[in-house]
Amino acid sequence: MPRYLVQRHFTDGLHIPVDAEGAKSCSTVVHSNAELGVTWVHSYVSIDKSVTYCVYDGPSEDAIRRAADASGLPADQVTEVRVLDPYFYH
């Protein structure tokens, strides 16, 4: 399955509460993605919460973009990526 890096910009910042409501929001995204064969692996959030870098597995860039749309999330840049492990060379 291809892996993608999705960059998202949030003008007002991304604010997910650390409580049951936040967990529900994340769970909703996970279930919506699954309907399109997309898996959210993990995300990185900038300190000011204005940008996220999210790692996804999915069948195509189009599926990644459709999953973002279904969840009401921006997908400013979607890039197919491969793993580069620096320890491979040791």
N, C-alpha and C. Protein backbone atom coordinates (compact mmCIF):
# COMPACT_ATOMS: atom_id res chain seq x y z
N MET A 1 0.85 -1.18 0.00
CA MET A 1 0.00 0.00 0.00
C MET A 1 0.89 1.24 0.00
N PRO A 2 0.65 2.17 -0.90
CA PRO A 2 1.45 3.40 -0.91
C PRO A 2 1.29 4.22 0.37
N ARG A 3 2.32 4.99 0.69
CA ARG A 3 2.31 5.86 1.88
C ARG A 3 2.40 7.31 1.40
N TYR A 4 1.68 8.19 2.09
CA TYR A 4 1.61 9.59 1.70
C TYR A 4 1.88 10.49 2.90
N LEU A 5 2.49 11.64 2.61
CA LEU A 5 2.65 12.70 3.59
C LEU A 5 1.69 13.81 3.18
N VAL A 6 0.80 14.18 4.10
CA VAL A 6 -0.21 15.21 3.82
C VAL A 6 0.10 16.43 4.68
N GLN A 7 0.30 17.56 4.02
CA GLN A 7 0.53 18.81 4.74
C GLN A 7 -0.78 19.59 4.75
N ARG A 8 -1.15 20.04 5.96
CA ARG A 8 -2.40 20.79 6.13
C ARG A 8 -2.10 22.11 6.84
N HIS A 9 -2.74 23.17 6.40
CA HIS A 9 -2.61 24.46 7.07
C HIS A 9 -3.93 24.82 7.74
N PHE A 10 -3.85 25.28 8.96
CA PHE A 10 -5.01 25.69 9.74
C PHE A 10 -4.83 27.14 10.16
N THR A 11 -5.55 28.05 9.53
CA THR A 11 -5.41 29.48 9.78
C THR A 11 -5.59 29.82 11.26
N ASP A 12 -6.59 29.23 11.89
CA ASP A 12 -6.87 29.50 13.30
C ASP A 12 -6.22 28.48 14.23
N GLY A 13 -5.40 27.61 13.70
CA GLY A 13 -4.76 26.57 14.49
C GLY A 13 -5.64 25.35 14.62
N LEU A 14 -5.03 24.23 14.84
CA LEU A 14 -5.74 22.97 15.05
C LEU A 14 -5.89 22.76 16.55
N HIS A 15 -7.11 22.73 17.00
CA HIS A 15 -7.36 22.59 18.44
C HIS A 15 -8.24 21.36 18.67
N ILE A 16 -7.62 20.27 19.06
CA ILE A 16 -8.34 19.05 19.40
C ILE A 16 -8.24 18.88 20.90
N PRO A 17 -9.36 18.95 21.60
CA PRO A 17 -9.29 18.83 23.06
C PRO A 17 -8.78 17.45 23.49
N VAL A 18 -8.07 17.44 24.60
CA VAL A 18 -7.53 16.18 25.14
C VAL A 18 -8.56 15.64 26.13
N ASP A 19 -9.66 15.16 25.56
CA ASP A 19 -10.74 14.60 26.37
C ASP A 19 -11.57 13.68 25.47
N ALA A 20 -12.71 13.27 25.95
CA ALA A 20 -13.57 12.35 25.20
C ALA A 20 -14.02 12.96 23.87
N GLU A 21 -14.26 14.27 23.85
CA GLU A 21 -14.68 14.92 22.61
C GLU A 21 -13.57 14.87 21.56
N GLY A 22 -12.32 15.09 21.98
CA GLY A 22 -11.19 15.00 21.07
C GLY A 22 -11.01 13.59 20.54
N ALA A 23 -11.16 12.62 21.44
CA ALA A 23 -11.05 11.21 21.02
C ALA A 23 -12.13 10.86 20.01
N LYS A 24 -13.34 11.40 20.23
CA LYS A 24 -14.44 11.14 19.30
C LYS A 24 -14.14 11.75 17.93
N SER A 25 -13.58 12.95 17.91
CA SER A 25 -13.24 13.60 16.64
C SER A 25 -12.24 12.77 15.85
N CYS A 26 -11.21 12.29 16.54
CA CYS A 26 -10.19 11.46 15.87
C CYS A 26 -10.78 10.15 15.38
N SER A 27 -11.61 9.55 16.19
CA SER A 27 -12.24 8.28 15.83
C SER A 27 -13.14 8.45 14.60
N THR A 28 -13.83 9.57 14.52
CA THR A 28 -14.69 9.85 13.36
C THR A 28 -13.86 9.91 12.09
N VAL A 29 -12.70 10.55 12.15
CA VAL A 29 -11.81 10.63 10.99
C VAL A 29 -11.33 9.24 10.60
N VAL A 30 -10.91 8.45 11.57
CA VAL A 30 -10.41 7.09 11.31
C VAL A 30 -11.48 6.26 10.60
N HIS A 31 -12.72 6.31 11.09
CA HIS A 31 -13.79 5.51 10.50
C HIS A 31 -14.17 6.01 9.11
N SER A 32 -14.18 7.32 8.93
CA SER A 32 -14.47 7.89 7.61
C SER A 32 -13.40 7.49 6.60
N ASN A 33 -12.13 7.55 7.01
CA ASN A 33 -11.03 7.15 6.14
C ASN A 33 -11.15 5.69 5.70
N ALA A 34 -11.51 4.83 6.66
CA ALA A 34 -11.59 3.39 6.39
C ALA A 34 -12.55 3.08 5.25
N GLU A 35 -13.59 3.88 5.11
CA GLU A 35 -14.56 3.65 4.03
C GLU A 35 -13.92 3.82 2.65
N LEU A 36 -12.79 4.55 2.60
CA LEU A 36 -12.09 4.76 1.33
C LEU A 36 -10.78 3.98 1.26
N GLY A 37 -10.56 3.06 2.22
CA GLY A 37 -9.35 2.26 2.23
C GLY A 37 -8.12 3.03 2.67
N VAL A 38 -8.32 4.11 3.43
CA VAL A 38 -7.24 4.99 3.88
C VAL A 38 -7.01 4.78 5.37
N THR A 39 -5.73 4.71 5.78
CA THR A 39 -5.36 4.54 7.18
C THR A 39 -4.49 5.71 7.64
N TRP A 40 -4.92 6.37 8.71
CA TRP A 40 -4.14 7.46 9.33
C TRP A 40 -3.10 6.79 10.22
N VAL A 41 -1.83 6.96 9.90
CA VAL A 41 -0.74 6.33 10.66
C VAL A 41 -0.37 7.18 11.87
N HIS A 42 -0.02 8.44 11.64
CA HIS A 42 0.23 9.40 12.72
C HIS A 42 0.43 10.78 12.11
N SER A 43 0.50 11.78 13.00
CA SER A 43 0.66 13.16 12.55
C SER A 43 1.66 13.89 13.42
N TYR A 44 2.25 14.93 12.83
CA TYR A 44 3.11 15.87 13.54
C TYR A 44 2.42 17.23 13.45
N VAL A 45 2.46 17.98 14.54
CA VAL A 45 1.80 19.28 14.60
C VAL A 45 2.85 20.33 14.95
N SER A 46 2.87 21.43 14.19
CA SER A 46 3.80 22.52 14.50
C SER A 46 3.47 23.10 15.87
N ILE A 47 4.46 23.70 16.49
CA ILE A 47 4.30 24.23 17.84
C ILE A 47 3.13 25.22 17.91
N ASP A 48 2.96 26.04 16.89
CA ASP A 48 1.86 27.01 16.90
C ASP A 48 0.54 26.42 16.43
N LYS A 49 0.52 25.13 16.14
CA LYS A 49 -0.67 24.38 15.72
C LYS A 49 -1.27 24.85 14.41
N SER A 50 -0.47 25.54 13.58
CA SER A 50 -1.00 26.04 12.32
C SER A 50 -0.77 25.09 11.15
N VAL A 51 0.13 24.12 11.32
CA VAL A 51 0.45 23.18 10.24
C VAL A 51 0.54 21.77 10.81
N THR A 52 -0.02 20.81 10.08
CA THR A 52 0.18 19.41 10.44
C THR A 52 0.82 18.70 9.27
N TYR A 53 1.60 17.67 9.60
CA TYR A 53 2.21 16.77 8.63
C TYR A 53 1.73 15.38 9.01
N CYS A 54 0.87 14.82 8.18
CA CYS A 54 0.19 13.58 8.52
C CYS A 54 0.63 12.45 7.60
N VAL A 55 0.89 11.30 8.18
CA VAL A 55 1.30 10.13 7.42
C VAL A 55 0.09 9.22 7.25
N TYR A 56 -0.18 8.88 6.00
CA TYR A 56 -1.34 8.04 5.67
C TYR A 56 -0.91 6.91 4.74
N ASP A 57 -1.57 5.78 4.86
CA ASP A 57 -1.49 4.71 3.88
C ASP A 57 -2.81 4.70 3.13
N GLY A 58 -2.74 4.53 1.81
CA GLY A 58 -3.96 4.51 1.03
C GLY A 58 -3.70 4.04 -0.38
N PRO A 59 -4.75 3.70 -1.09
CA PRO A 59 -4.59 3.15 -2.43
C PRO A 59 -4.13 4.15 -3.49
N SER A 60 -4.40 5.46 -3.26
CA SER A 60 -4.03 6.47 -4.26
C SER A 60 -4.08 7.86 -3.64
N GLU A 61 -3.45 8.81 -4.32
CA GLU A 61 -3.54 10.20 -3.88
C GLU A 61 -5.00 10.66 -3.89
N ASP A 62 -5.75 10.24 -4.90
CA ASP A 62 -7.15 10.62 -4.99
C ASP A 62 -7.93 10.13 -3.76
N ALA A 63 -7.67 8.91 -3.31
CA ALA A 63 -8.35 8.39 -2.13
C ALA A 63 -7.99 9.20 -0.88
N ILE A 64 -6.72 9.61 -0.78
CA ILE A 64 -6.28 10.43 0.35
C ILE A 64 -7.03 11.76 0.32
N ARG A 65 -7.12 12.38 -0.83
CA ARG A 65 -7.81 13.67 -0.95
C ARG A 65 -9.31 13.54 -0.68
N ARG A 66 -9.92 12.47 -1.17
CA ARG A 66 -11.36 12.25 -0.92
C ARG A 66 -11.62 12.01 0.56
N ALA A 67 -10.71 11.30 1.23
CA ALA A 67 -10.86 11.07 2.67
C ALA A 67 -10.76 12.39 3.44
N ALA A 68 -9.84 13.25 3.03
CA ALA A 68 -9.72 14.57 3.67
C ALA A 68 -11.00 15.36 3.49
N ASP A 69 -11.52 15.39 2.26
CA ASP A 69 -12.76 16.11 1.99
C ASP A 69 -13.91 15.56 2.83
N ALA A 70 -14.01 14.24 2.93
CA ALA A 70 -15.09 13.62 3.69
C ALA A 70 -15.03 13.99 5.17
N SER A 71 -13.81 14.26 5.67
CA SER A 71 -13.64 14.62 7.07
C SER A 71 -13.62 16.13 7.29
N GLY A 72 -13.75 16.88 6.21
CA GLY A 72 -13.73 18.33 6.32
C GLY A 72 -12.36 18.89 6.66
N LEU A 73 -11.30 18.19 6.23
CA LEU A 73 -9.93 18.60 6.51
C LEU A 73 -9.25 19.10 5.23
N PRO A 74 -8.39 20.10 5.35
CA PRO A 74 -7.62 20.52 4.17
C PRO A 74 -6.57 19.47 3.82
N ALA A 75 -6.19 19.43 2.58
CA ALA A 75 -5.08 18.59 2.12
C ALA A 75 -4.29 19.43 1.14
N ASP A 76 -3.52 20.38 1.69
CA ASP A 76 -2.84 21.36 0.87
C ASP A 76 -1.79 20.73 -0.04
N GLN A 77 -1.08 19.76 0.48
CA GLN A 77 -0.07 19.07 -0.33
C GLN A 77 -0.10 17.60 0.03
N VAL A 78 -0.18 16.74 -0.98
CA VAL A 78 -0.16 15.29 -0.78
C VAL A 78 1.00 14.75 -1.60
N THR A 79 1.94 14.07 -0.92
CA THR A 79 3.13 13.57 -1.57
C THR A 79 3.30 12.09 -1.26
N GLU A 80 3.44 11.28 -2.28
CA GLU A 80 3.75 9.87 -2.04
C GLU A 80 5.20 9.79 -1.57
N VAL A 81 5.45 9.02 -0.51
CA VAL A 81 6.78 8.94 0.09
C VAL A 81 7.20 7.49 0.30
N ARG A 82 8.50 7.31 0.52
CA ARG A 82 9.09 6.02 0.88
C ARG A 82 9.89 6.23 2.16
N VAL A 83 10.12 5.17 2.90
CA VAL A 83 10.90 5.25 4.13
C VAL A 83 12.38 5.27 3.80
N LEU A 84 13.11 6.17 4.43
CA LEU A 84 14.56 6.22 4.36
C LEU A 84 15.04 6.05 5.79
N ASP A 85 15.61 4.93 6.09
CA ASP A 85 16.05 4.61 7.45
C ASP A 85 17.56 4.77 7.53
N PRO A 86 18.05 5.75 8.31
CA PRO A 86 19.50 5.98 8.38
C PRO A 86 20.27 4.80 8.98
N TYR A 87 19.61 3.96 9.71
CA TYR A 87 20.29 2.82 10.33
C TYR A 87 20.51 1.67 9.35
N PHE A 88 19.86 1.74 8.19
CA PHE A 88 20.04 0.74 7.15
C PHE A 88 21.51 0.69 6.71
N TYR A 89 22.18 1.85 6.75
CA TYR A 89 23.53 1.97 6.23
C TYR A 89 24.61 1.59 7.25
N HIS A 90 24.23 1.19 8.44
CA HIS A 90 25.22 0.86 9.48
C HIS A 90 25.44 -0.64 9.55
